[in-house]
Amino acid sequence: MSHPNFQAEIRELNIVYLMLAQKMLSNDRETAMFRLGIGKALADFITGLSATKLVKMADSPVLIPRFRFEDEQLARLMAGEGRDETASILHSAIITAGRSASESA
C-alpha cells in the first residue's frame, strides 16, 4: 500500500493562505485578525513577511491554516445542517465569535 505525499498540495495551500492573510491584514486589520483567529503579535509577523520568507514558511511540511474548533456539531452547523440552513450558519458564526473572544482574552 502506498502512502501519498501531499507536500506539494500543502505548500500550495500554505502559500495561498499566507498571501490571503497578508492581503486581509493590509486591507482591514481588525476584521482580518478576527477572521483568521490570530492575535496582534502574529498579525504583525505575517504582515512583515517578505516574499522569500513567506515561501520558506509555506514549504513547511505542516499545514499552516487549521480548524478553529474541534466540535463536530459546530462543523455540522457551519455546513448548514439543521432545521433551517440559514439559522444553522448564523448560529455557528455566533458560537465561533464567542469562542474567539474568550480565547483571545
PDB file of N, CA and C in Angstrom:
ATOM      1  N   MET A   1       0.844  -1.170   0.000  1.00  0.00           N
ATOM      2  CA  MET A   1       0.000   0.000   0.000  1.00  0.00           C
ATOM      3  C   MET A   1       0.895   1.239   0.000  1.00  0.00           C
ATOM      4  N   SER A   2       0.655   2.131  -0.919  1.00  0.00           N
ATOM      5  CA  SER A   2       1.472   3.340  -0.991  1.00  0.00           C
ATOM      6  C   SER A   2       0.863   4.439  -0.119  1.00  0.00           C
ATOM      7  N   HIS A   3       1.735   5.267   0.391  1.00  0.00           N
ATOM      8  CA  HIS A   3       1.303   6.394   1.209  1.00  0.00           C
ATOM      9  C   HIS A   3       1.531   7.661   0.395  1.00  0.00           C
ATOM     10  N   PRO A   4       0.446   8.381   0.059  1.00  0.00           N
ATOM     11  CA  PRO A   4       0.626   9.577  -0.769  1.00  0.00           C
ATOM     12  C   PRO A   4       1.385  10.668  -0.004  1.00  0.00           C
ATOM     13  N   ASN A   5       2.173  11.400  -0.741  1.00  0.00           N
ATOM     14  CA  ASN A   5       2.900  12.531  -0.174  1.00  0.00           C
ATOM     15  C   ASN A   5       2.164  13.794  -0.637  1.00  0.00           C
ATOM     16  N   PHE A   6       1.603  14.513   0.280  1.00  0.00           N
ATOM     17  CA  PHE A   6       0.811  15.687  -0.054  1.00  0.00           C
ATOM     18  C   PHE A   6       1.608  16.978   0.059  1.00  0.00           C
ATOM     19  N   GLN A   7       2.928  16.901   0.053  1.00  0.00           N
ATOM     20  CA  GLN A   7       3.756  18.084   0.278  1.00  0.00           C
ATOM     21  C   GLN A   7       3.476  19.198  -0.734  1.00  0.00           C
ATOM     22  N   ALA A   8       3.315  18.883  -2.000  1.00  0.00           N
ATOM     23  CA  ALA A   8       3.054  19.930  -2.998  1.00  0.00           C
ATOM     24  C   ALA A   8       1.731  20.630  -2.721  1.00  0.00           C
ATOM     25  N   GLU A   9       0.723  19.862  -2.353  1.00  0.00           N
ATOM     26  CA  GLU A   9      -0.590  20.442  -2.053  1.00  0.00           C
ATOM     27  C   GLU A   9      -0.549  21.276  -0.777  1.00  0.00           C
ATOM     28  N   ILE A  10       0.185  20.777   0.233  1.00  0.00           N
ATOM     29  CA  ILE A  10       0.329  21.522   1.486  1.00  0.00           C
ATOM     30  C   ILE A  10       1.045  22.844   1.221  1.00  0.00           C
ATOM     31  N   ARG A  11       2.103  22.804   0.444  1.00  0.00           N
ATOM     32  CA  ARG A  11       2.862  24.020   0.118  1.00  0.00           C
ATOM     33  C   ARG A  11       1.969  25.028  -0.588  1.00  0.00           C
ATOM     34  N   GLU A  12       1.216  24.573  -1.569  1.00  0.00           N
ATOM     35  CA  GLU A  12       0.336  25.474  -2.318  1.00  0.00           C
ATOM     36  C   GLU A  12      -0.722  26.098  -1.405  1.00  0.00           C
ATOM     37  N   LEU A  13      -1.322  25.294  -0.565  1.00  0.00           N
ATOM     38  CA  LEU A  13      -2.333  25.801   0.369  1.00  0.00           C
ATOM     39  C   LEU A  13      -1.717  26.805   1.335  1.00  0.00           C
ATOM     40  N   ASN A  14      -0.527  26.505   1.851  1.00  0.00           N
ATOM     41  CA  ASN A  14       0.151  27.415   2.762  1.00  0.00           C
ATOM     42  C   ASN A  14       0.456  28.759   2.098  1.00  0.00           C
ATOM     43  N   ILE A  15       0.945  28.726   0.866  1.00  0.00           N
ATOM     44  CA  ILE A  15       1.262  29.970   0.151  1.00  0.00           C
ATOM     45  C   ILE A  15      -0.001  30.804  -0.041  1.00  0.00           C
ATOM     46  N   VAL A  16      -1.059  30.169  -0.516  1.00  0.00           N
ATOM     47  CA  VAL A  16      -2.314  30.892  -0.755  1.00  0.00           C
ATOM     48  C   VAL A  16      -2.852  31.474   0.549  1.00  0.00           C
ATOM     49  N   TYR A  17      -2.803  30.686   1.613  1.00  0.00           N
ATOM     50  CA  TYR A  17      -3.292  31.150   2.920  1.00  0.00           C
ATOM     51  C   TYR A  17      -2.496  32.351   3.408  1.00  0.00           C
ATOM     52  N   LEU A  18      -1.173  32.268   3.351  1.00  0.00           N
ATOM     53  CA  LEU A  18      -0.333  33.366   3.833  1.00  0.00           C
ATOM     54  C   LEU A  18      -0.511  34.631   2.991  1.00  0.00           C
ATOM     55  N   MET A  19      -0.631  34.475   1.685  1.00  0.00           N
ATOM     56  CA  MET A  19      -0.855  35.635   0.822  1.00  0.00           C
ATOM     57  C   MET A  19      -2.215  36.271   1.111  1.00  0.00           C
ATOM     58  N   LEU A  20      -3.235  35.439   1.288  1.00  0.00           N
ATOM     59  CA  LEU A  20      -4.558  35.950   1.631  1.00  0.00           C
ATOM     60  C   LEU A  20      -4.518  36.658   2.982  1.00  0.00           C
ATOM     61  N   ALA A  21      -3.844  36.065   3.951  1.00  0.00           N
ATOM     62  CA  ALA A  21      -3.750  36.673   5.279  1.00  0.00           C
ATOM     63  C   ALA A  21      -3.079  38.038   5.199  1.00  0.00           C
ATOM     64  N   GLN A  22      -1.988  38.147   4.451  1.00  0.00           N
ATOM     65  CA  GLN A  22      -1.312  39.437   4.299  1.00  0.00           C
ATOM     66  C   GLN A  22      -2.236  40.471   3.658  1.00  0.00           C
ATOM     67  N   LYS A  23      -2.961  40.049   2.627  1.00  0.00           N
ATOM     68  CA  LYS A  23      -3.877  40.967   1.933  1.00  0.00           C
ATOM     69  C   LYS A  23      -5.005  41.418   2.867  1.00  0.00           C
ATOM     70  N   MET A  24      -5.582  40.463   3.596  1.00  0.00           N
ATOM     71  CA  MET A  24      -6.656  40.795   4.531  1.00  0.00           C
ATOM     72  C   MET A  24      -6.162  41.753   5.609  1.00  0.00           C
ATOM     73  N   LEU A  25      -4.983  41.484   6.157  1.00  0.00           N
ATOM     74  CA  LEU A  25      -4.433  42.318   7.221  1.00  0.00           C
ATOM     75  C   LEU A  25      -4.119  43.731   6.741  1.00  0.00           C
ATOM     76  N   SER A  26      -3.687  43.855   5.507  1.00  0.00           N
ATOM     77  CA  SER A  26      -3.385  45.192   4.996  1.00  0.00           C
ATOM     78  C   SER A  26      -4.653  45.967   4.659  1.00  0.00           C
ATOM     79  N   ASN A  27      -5.722  45.250   4.371  1.00  0.00           N
ATOM     80  CA  ASN A  27      -6.982  45.897   3.999  1.00  0.00           C
ATOM     81  C   ASN A  27      -7.795  46.326   5.220  1.00  0.00           C
ATOM     82  N   ASP A  28      -8.008  45.410   6.179  1.00  0.00           N
ATOM     83  CA  ASP A  28      -8.802  45.691   7.380  1.00  0.00           C
ATOM     84  C   ASP A  28      -8.260  44.813   8.496  1.00  0.00           C
ATOM     85  N   ARG A  29      -7.297  45.340   9.210  1.00  0.00           N
ATOM     86  CA  ARG A  29      -6.534  44.566  10.192  1.00  0.00           C
ATOM     87  C   ARG A  29      -7.404  43.909  11.264  1.00  0.00           C
ATOM     88  N   GLU A  30      -8.300  44.664  11.883  1.00  0.00           N
ATOM     89  CA  GLU A  30      -9.116  44.129  12.981  1.00  0.00           C
ATOM     90  C   GLU A  30     -10.027  42.995  12.510  1.00  0.00           C
ATOM     91  N   THR A  31     -10.696  43.201  11.386  1.00  0.00           N
ATOM     92  CA  THR A  31     -11.571  42.155  10.844  1.00  0.00           C
ATOM     93  C   THR A  31     -10.760  40.935  10.450  1.00  0.00           C
ATOM     94  N   ALA A  32      -9.605  41.168   9.843  1.00  0.00           N
ATOM     95  CA  ALA A  32      -8.744  40.059   9.420  1.00  0.00           C
ATOM     96  C   ALA A  32      -8.274  39.247  10.622  1.00  0.00           C
ATOM     97  N   MET A  33      -7.879  39.931  11.691  1.00  0.00           N
ATOM     98  CA  MET A  33      -7.425  39.222  12.885  1.00  0.00           C
ATOM     99  C   MET A  33      -8.545  38.350  13.436  1.00  0.00           C
ATOM    100  N   PHE A  34      -9.755  38.860  13.427  1.00  0.00           N
ATOM    101  CA  PHE A  34     -10.899  38.086  13.900  1.00  0.00           C
ATOM    102  C   PHE A  34     -11.148  36.883  12.993  1.00  0.00           C
ATOM    103  N   ARG A  35     -11.196  37.123  11.691  1.00  0.00           N
ATOM    104  CA  ARG A  35     -11.496  36.037  10.751  1.00  0.00           C
ATOM    105  C   ARG A  35     -10.406  34.977  10.719  1.00  0.00           C
ATOM    106  N   LEU A  36      -9.172  35.392  10.871  1.00  0.00           N
ATOM    107  CA  LEU A  36      -8.057  34.448  10.865  1.00  0.00           C
ATOM    108  C   LEU A  36      -7.863  33.774  12.216  1.00  0.00           C
ATOM    109  N   GLY A  37      -8.455  34.358  13.251  1.00  0.00           N
ATOM    110  CA  GLY A  37      -8.321  33.800  14.594  1.00  0.00           C
ATOM    111  C   GLY A  37      -6.922  33.978  15.156  1.00  0.00           C
ATOM    112  N   ILE A  38      -6.310  35.136  14.863  1.00  0.00           N
ATOM    113  CA  ILE A  38      -4.944  35.394  15.318  1.00  0.00           C
ATOM    114  C   ILE A  38      -4.893  36.664  16.163  1.00  0.00           C
ATOM    115  N   GLY A  39      -3.839  36.787  16.940  1.00  0.00           N
ATOM    116  CA  GLY A  39      -3.629  37.959  17.765  1.00  0.00           C
ATOM    117  C   GLY A  39      -2.715  38.964  17.089  1.00  0.00           C
ATOM    118  N   LYS A  40      -2.459  40.057  17.807  1.00  0.00           N
ATOM    119  CA  LYS A  40      -1.671  41.162  17.272  1.00  0.00           C
ATOM    120  C   LYS A  40      -0.249  40.748  16.901  1.00  0.00           C
ATOM    121  N   ALA A  41       0.408  39.991  17.774  1.00  0.00           N
ATOM    122  CA  ALA A  41       1.798  39.605  17.508  1.00  0.00           C
ATOM    123  C   ALA A  41       1.927  38.779  16.229  1.00  0.00           C
ATOM    124  N   LEU A  42       1.031  37.815  16.048  1.00  0.00           N
ATOM    125  CA  LEU A  42       1.087  37.001  14.833  1.00  0.00           C
ATOM    126  C   LEU A  42       0.691  37.824  13.608  1.00  0.00           C
ATOM    127  N   ALA A  43      -0.265  38.729  13.769  1.00  0.00           N
ATOM    128  CA  ALA A  43      -0.657  39.614  12.661  1.00  0.00           C
ATOM    129  C   ALA A  43       0.534  40.466  12.227  1.00  0.00           C
ATOM    130  N   ASP A  44       1.276  40.997  13.188  1.00  0.00           N
ATOM    131  CA  ASP A  44       2.481  41.790  12.875  1.00  0.00           C
ATOM    132  C   ASP A  44       3.508  40.944  12.133  1.00  0.00           C
ATOM    133  N   PHE A  45       3.698  39.709  12.613  1.00  0.00           N
ATOM    134  CA  PHE A  45       4.669  38.809  11.982  1.00  0.00           C
ATOM    135  C   PHE A  45       4.283  38.515  10.533  1.00  0.00           C
ATOM    136  N   ILE A  46       3.025  38.145  10.313  1.00  0.00           N
ATOM    137  CA  ILE A  46       2.563  37.801   8.957  1.00  0.00           C
ATOM    138  C   ILE A  46       2.652  39.010   8.037  1.00  0.00           C
ATOM    139  N   THR A  47       2.256  40.162   8.539  1.00  0.00           N
ATOM    140  CA  THR A  47       2.302  41.382   7.731  1.00  0.00           C
ATOM    141  C   THR A  47       3.728  41.702   7.302  1.00  0.00           C
ATOM    142  N   GLY A  48       4.693  41.439   8.179  1.00  0.00           N
ATOM    143  CA  GLY A  48       6.083  41.761   7.888  1.00  0.00           C
ATOM    144  C   GLY A  48       6.845  40.729   7.087  1.00  0.00           C
ATOM    145  N   LEU A  49       6.207  39.614   6.729  1.00  0.00           N
ATOM    146  CA  LEU A  49       6.906  38.582   5.968  1.00  0.00           C
ATOM    147  C   LEU A  49       7.276  39.066   4.563  1.00  0.00           C
ATOM    148  N   SER A  50       8.526  38.905   4.188  1.00  0.00           N
ATOM    149  CA  SER A  50       8.933  39.173   2.808  1.00  0.00           C
ATOM    150  C   SER A  50       8.464  38.002   1.950  1.00  0.00           C
ATOM    151  N   ALA A  51       8.510  38.191   0.650  1.00  0.00           N
ATOM    152  CA  ALA A  51       8.107  37.111  -0.263  1.00  0.00           C
ATOM    153  C   ALA A  51       8.973  35.875  -0.052  1.00  0.00           C
ATOM    154  N   THR A  52      10.264  36.075   0.152  1.00  0.00           N
ATOM    155  CA  THR A  52      11.181  34.956   0.360  1.00  0.00           C
ATOM    156  C   THR A  52      10.833  34.194   1.630  1.00  0.00           C
ATOM    157  N   LYS A  53      10.588  34.915   2.714  1.00  0.00           N
ATOM    158  CA  LYS A  53      10.254  34.261   3.980  1.00  0.00           C
ATOM    159  C   LYS A  53       8.882  33.596   3.908  1.00  0.00           C
ATOM    160  N   LEU A  54       7.951  34.207   3.178  1.00  0.00           N
ATOM    161  CA  LEU A  54       6.629  33.620   3.005  1.00  0.00           C
ATOM    162  C   LEU A  54       6.750  32.262   2.320  1.00  0.00           C
ATOM    163  N   VAL A  55       7.527  32.196   1.248  1.00  0.00           N
ATOM    164  CA  VAL A  55       7.720  30.937   0.530  1.00  0.00           C
ATOM    165  C   VAL A  55       8.430  29.920   1.412  1.00  0.00           C
ATOM    166  N   LYS A  56       9.422  30.366   2.154  1.00  0.00           N
ATOM    167  CA  LYS A  56      10.154  29.462   3.053  1.00  0.00           C
ATOM    168  C   LYS A  56       9.203  28.895   4.113  1.00  0.00           C
ATOM    169  N   MET A  57       8.361  29.748   4.679  1.00  0.00           N
ATOM    170  CA  MET A  57       7.402  29.296   5.686  1.00  0.00           C
ATOM    171  C   MET A  57       6.389  28.329   5.059  1.00  0.00           C
ATOM    172  N   ALA A  58       5.958  28.614   3.842  1.00  0.00           N
ATOM    173  CA  ALA A  58       4.980  27.764   3.156  1.00  0.00           C
ATOM    174  C   ALA A  58       5.540  26.383   2.855  1.00  0.00           C
ATOM    175  N   ASP A  59       6.854  26.262   2.764  1.00  0.00           N
ATOM    176  CA  ASP A  59       7.491  24.975   2.485  1.00  0.00           C
ATOM    177  C   ASP A  59       7.435  24.009   3.662  1.00  0.00           C
ATOM    178  N   SER A  60       6.940  24.465   4.781  1.00  0.00           N
ATOM    179  CA  SER A  60       6.824  23.614   5.957  1.00  0.00           C
ATOM    180  C   SER A  60       5.984  22.381   5.625  1.00  0.00           C
ATOM    181  N   PRO A  61       6.325  21.225   6.177  1.00  0.00           N
ATOM    182  CA  PRO A  61       5.516  20.030   5.919  1.00  0.00           C
ATOM    183  C   PRO A  61       4.202  20.024   6.705  1.00  0.00           C
ATOM    184  N   VAL A  62       3.954  21.102   7.436  1.00  0.00           N
ATOM    185  CA  VAL A  62       2.764  21.209   8.273  1.00  0.00           C
ATOM    186  C   VAL A  62       1.806  22.230   7.671  1.00  0.00           C
ATOM    187  N   LEU A  63       0.519  21.918   7.700  1.00  0.00           N
ATOM    188  CA  LEU A  63      -0.475  22.891   7.250  1.00  0.00           C
ATOM    189  C   LEU A  63      -0.483  24.087   8.190  1.00  0.00           C
ATOM    190  N   ILE A  64      -0.380  25.278   7.643  1.00  0.00           N
ATOM    191  CA  ILE A  64      -0.413  26.488   8.465  1.00  0.00           C
ATOM    192  C   ILE A  64      -1.846  26.814   8.884  1.00  0.00           C
ATOM    193  N   PRO A  65      -2.801  26.824   7.951  1.00  0.00           N
ATOM    194  CA  PRO A  65      -4.179  27.051   8.415  1.00  0.00           C
ATOM    195  C   PRO A  65      -4.670  25.821   9.168  1.00  0.00           C
ATOM    196  N   ARG A  66      -5.558  26.065  10.129  1.00  0.00           N
ATOM    197  CA  ARG A  66      -6.090  24.939  10.891  1.00  0.00           C
ATOM    198  C   ARG A  66      -7.533  25.235  11.256  1.00  0.00           C
ATOM    199  N   PHE A  67      -8.260  24.180  11.600  1.00  0.00           N
ATOM    200  CA  PHE A  67      -9.617  24.360  12.072  1.00  0.00           C
ATOM    201  C   PHE A  67      -9.560  25.100  13.394  1.00  0.00           C
ATOM    202  N   ARG A  68     -10.473  26.029  13.582  1.00  0.00           N
ATOM    203  CA  ARG A  68     -10.505  26.803  14.826  1.00  0.00           C
ATOM    204  C   ARG A  68     -11.384  26.144  15.875  1.00  0.00           C
ATOM    205  N   PHE A  69     -11.804  24.941  15.600  1.00  0.00           N
ATOM    206  CA  PHE A  69     -12.678  24.236  16.527  1.00  0.00           C
ATOM    207  C   PHE A  69     -12.479  22.747  16.334  1.00  0.00           C
ATOM    208  N   GLU A  70     -12.895  21.976  17.316  1.00  0.00           N
ATOM    209  CA  GLU A  70     -12.843  20.519  17.214  1.00  0.00           C
ATOM    210  C   GLU A  70     -14.198  19.934  17.583  1.00  0.00           C
ATOM    211  N   ASP A  71     -15.223  20.685  17.331  1.00  0.00           N
ATOM    212  CA  ASP A  71     -16.575  20.330  17.708  1.00  0.00           C
ATOM    213  C   ASP A  71     -17.347  19.890  16.461  1.00  0.00           C
ATOM    214  N   GLU A  72     -17.694  18.615  16.397  1.00  0.00           N
ATOM    215  CA  GLU A  72     -18.413  18.095  15.232  1.00  0.00           C
ATOM    216  C   GLU A  72     -19.737  18.814  15.024  1.00  0.00           C
ATOM    217  N   GLN A  73     -20.459  19.096  16.117  1.00  0.00           N
ATOM    218  CA  GLN A  73     -21.747  19.772  15.988  1.00  0.00           C
ATOM    219  C   GLN A  73     -21.578  21.161  15.378  1.00  0.00           C
ATOM    220  N   LEU A  74     -20.538  21.872  15.765  1.00  0.00           N
ATOM    221  CA  LEU A  74     -20.276  23.186  15.186  1.00  0.00           C
ATOM    222  C   LEU A  74     -19.971  23.046  13.698  1.00  0.00           C
ATOM    223  N   ALA A  75     -19.203  22.048  13.329  1.00  0.00           N
ATOM    224  CA  ALA A  75     -18.907  21.810  11.914  1.00  0.00           C
ATOM    225  C   ALA A  75     -20.186  21.540  11.135  1.00  0.00           C
ATOM    226  N   ARG A  76     -21.086  20.770  11.712  1.00  0.00           N
ATOM    227  CA  ARG A  76     -22.360  20.480  11.050  1.00  0.00           C
ATOM    228  C   ARG A  76     -23.185  21.765  10.880  1.00  0.00           C
ATOM    229  N   LEU A  77     -23.198  22.613  11.901  1.00  0.00           N
ATOM    230  CA  LEU A  77     -23.916  23.882  11.791  1.00  0.00           C
ATOM    231  C   LEU A  77     -23.313  24.753  10.692  1.00  0.00           C
ATOM    232  N   MET A  78     -21.982  24.794  10.631  1.00  0.00           N
ATOM    233  CA  MET A  78     -21.311  25.597   9.611  1.00  0.00           C
ATOM    234  C   MET A  78     -21.617  25.089   8.203  1.00  0.00           C
ATOM    235  N   ALA A  79     -21.855  23.791   8.098  1.00  0.00           N
ATOM    236  CA  ALA A  79     -22.196  23.188   6.802  1.00  0.00           C
ATOM    237  C   ALA A  79     -23.670  23.377   6.459  1.00  0.00           C
ATOM    238  N   GLY A  80     -24.429  23.990   7.387  1.00  0.00           N
ATOM    239  CA  GLY A  80     -25.830  24.269   7.119  1.00  0.00           C
ATOM    240  C   GLY A  80     -26.767  23.148   7.492  1.00  0.00           C
ATOM    241  N   GLU A  81     -26.266  22.174   8.244  1.00  0.00           N
ATOM    242  CA  GLU A  81     -27.143  21.088   8.671  1.00  0.00           C
ATOM    243  C   GLU A  81     -28.006  21.573   9.832  1.00  0.00           C
ATOM    244  N   GLY A  82     -29.227  21.179   9.838  1.00  0.00           N
ATOM    245  CA  GLY A  82     -30.158  21.591  10.884  1.00  0.00           C
ATOM    246  C   GLY A  82     -31.519  21.844  10.273  1.00  0.00           C
ATOM    247  N   ARG A  83     -32.421  22.313  11.081  1.00  0.00           N
ATOM    248  CA  ARG A  83     -33.779  22.554  10.590  1.00  0.00           C
ATOM    249  C   ARG A  83     -33.811  23.648   9.545  1.00  0.00           C
ATOM    250  N   ASP A  84     -33.057  24.708   9.787  1.00  0.00           N
ATOM    251  CA  ASP A  84     -33.041  25.851   8.875  1.00  0.00           C
ATOM    252  C   ASP A  84     -31.581  26.167   8.550  1.00  0.00           C
ATOM    253  N   GLU A  85     -31.203  26.017   7.290  1.00  0.00           N
ATOM    254  CA  GLU A  85     -29.806  26.172   6.888  1.00  0.00           C
ATOM    255  C   GLU A  85     -29.264  27.550   7.255  1.00  0.00           C
ATOM    256  N   THR A  86     -30.013  28.606   6.985  1.00  0.00           N
ATOM    257  CA  THR A  86     -29.542  29.957   7.280  1.00  0.00           C
ATOM    258  C   THR A  86     -29.345  30.154   8.783  1.00  0.00           C
ATOM    259  N   ALA A  87     -30.284  29.687   9.565  1.00  0.00           N
ATOM    260  CA  ALA A  87     -30.174  29.811  11.015  1.00  0.00           C
ATOM    261  C   ALA A  87     -28.990  28.998  11.541  1.00  0.00           C
ATOM    262  N   SER A  88     -28.748  27.834  10.962  1.00  0.00           N
ATOM    263  CA  SER A  88     -27.617  26.999  11.381  1.00  0.00           C
ATOM    264  C   SER A  88     -26.295  27.710  11.140  1.00  0.00           C
ATOM    265  N   ILE A  89     -26.152  28.320   9.980  1.00  0.00           N
ATOM    266  CA  ILE A  89     -24.913  29.025   9.651  1.00  0.00           C
ATOM    267  C   ILE A  89     -24.735  30.232  10.563  1.00  0.00           C
ATOM    268  N   LEU A  90     -25.803  30.975  10.817  1.00  0.00           N
ATOM    269  CA  LEU A  90     -25.746  32.121  11.721  1.00  0.00           C
ATOM    270  C   LEU A  90     -25.395  31.671  13.141  1.00  0.00           C
ATOM    271  N   HIS A  91     -26.008  30.598  13.583  1.00  0.00           N
ATOM    272  CA  HIS A  91     -25.729  30.060  14.917  1.00  0.00           C
ATOM    273  C   HIS A  91     -24.255  29.674  15.043  1.00  0.00           C
ATOM    274  N   SER A  92     -23.714  29.046  14.019  1.00  0.00           N
ATOM    275  CA  SER A  92     -22.298  28.653  14.054  1.00  0.00           C
ATOM    276  C   SER A  92     -21.396  29.882  14.101  1.00  0.00           C
ATOM    277  N   ALA A  93     -21.763  30.945  13.399  1.00  0.00           N
ATOM    278  CA  ALA A  93     -20.960  32.174  13.421  1.00  0.00           C
ATOM    279  C   ALA A  93     -20.963  32.794  14.816  1.00  0.00           C
ATOM    280  N   ILE A  94     -22.109  32.767  15.480  1.00  0.00           N
ATOM    281  CA  ILE A  94     -22.213  33.320  16.829  1.00  0.00           C
ATOM    282  C   ILE A  94     -21.350  32.505  17.803  1.00  0.00           C
ATOM    283  N   ILE A  95     -21.425  31.188  17.703  1.00  0.00           N
ATOM    284  CA  ILE A  95     -20.630  30.326  18.585  1.00  0.00           C
ATOM    285  C   ILE A  95     -19.140  30.559  18.348  1.00  0.00           C
ATOM    286  N   THR A  96     -18.736  30.614  17.085  1.00  0.00           N
ATOM    287  CA  THR A  96     -17.325  30.810  16.746  1.00  0.00           C
ATOM    288  C   THR A  96     -16.832  32.163  17.242  1.00  0.00           C
ATOM    289  N   ALA A  97     -17.642  33.198  17.075  1.00  0.00           N
ATOM    290  CA  ALA A  97     -17.250  34.540  17.526  1.00  0.00           C
ATOM    291  C   ALA A  97     -17.084  34.547  19.035  1.00  0.00           C
ATOM    292  N   GLY A  98     -17.980  33.885  19.752  1.00  0.00           N
ATOM    293  CA  GLY A  98     -17.888  33.820  21.196  1.00  0.00           C
ATOM    294  C   GLY A  98     -16.648  33.095  21.659  1.00  0.00           C
ATOM    295  N   ARG A  99     -16.306  32.033  20.969  1.00  0.00           N
ATOM    296  CA  ARG A  99     -15.103  31.278  21.331  1.00  0.00           C
ATOM    297  C   ARG A  99     -13.856  32.076  21.048  1.00  0.00           C
ATOM    298  N   SER A 100     -13.836  32.782  19.901  1.00  0.00           N
ATOM    299  CA  SER A 100     -12.661  33.588  19.546  1.00  0.00           C
ATOM    300  C   SER A 100     -12.421  34.664  20.572  1.00  0.00           C
ATOM    301  N   ALA A 101     -13.493  35.313  21.017  1.00  0.00           N
ATOM    302  CA  ALA A 101     -13.357  36.396  22.001  1.00  0.00           C
ATOM    303  C   ALA A 101     -12.843  35.860  23.327  1.00  0.00           C
ATOM    304  N   SER A 102     -13.355  34.716  23.744  1.00  0.00           N
ATOM    305  CA  SER A 102     -12.937  34.174  25.036  1.00  0.00           C
ATOM    306  C   SER A 102     -11.524  33.605  24.991  1.00  0.00           C
ATOM    307  N   GLU A 103     -11.090  33.081  23.839  1.00  0.00           N
ATOM    308  CA  GLU A 103      -9.753  32.521  23.714  1.00  0.00           C
ATOM    309  C   GLU A 103      -8.686  33.607  23.641  1.00  0.00           C
ATOM    310  N   SER A 104      -9.029  34.785  23.075  1.00  0.00           N
ATOM    311  CA  SER A 104      -8.034  35.833  22.934  1.00  0.00           C
ATOM    312  C   SER A 104      -7.920  36.697  24.173  1.00  0.00           C
ATOM    313  N   ALA A 105      -8.830  36.504  25.128  1.00  0.00           N
ATOM    314  CA  ALA A 105      -8.806  37.312  26.356  1.00  0.00           C
ATOM    315  C   ALA A 105      -7.766  36.812  27.331  1.00  0.00           C
TER     316      ALA A 105
END
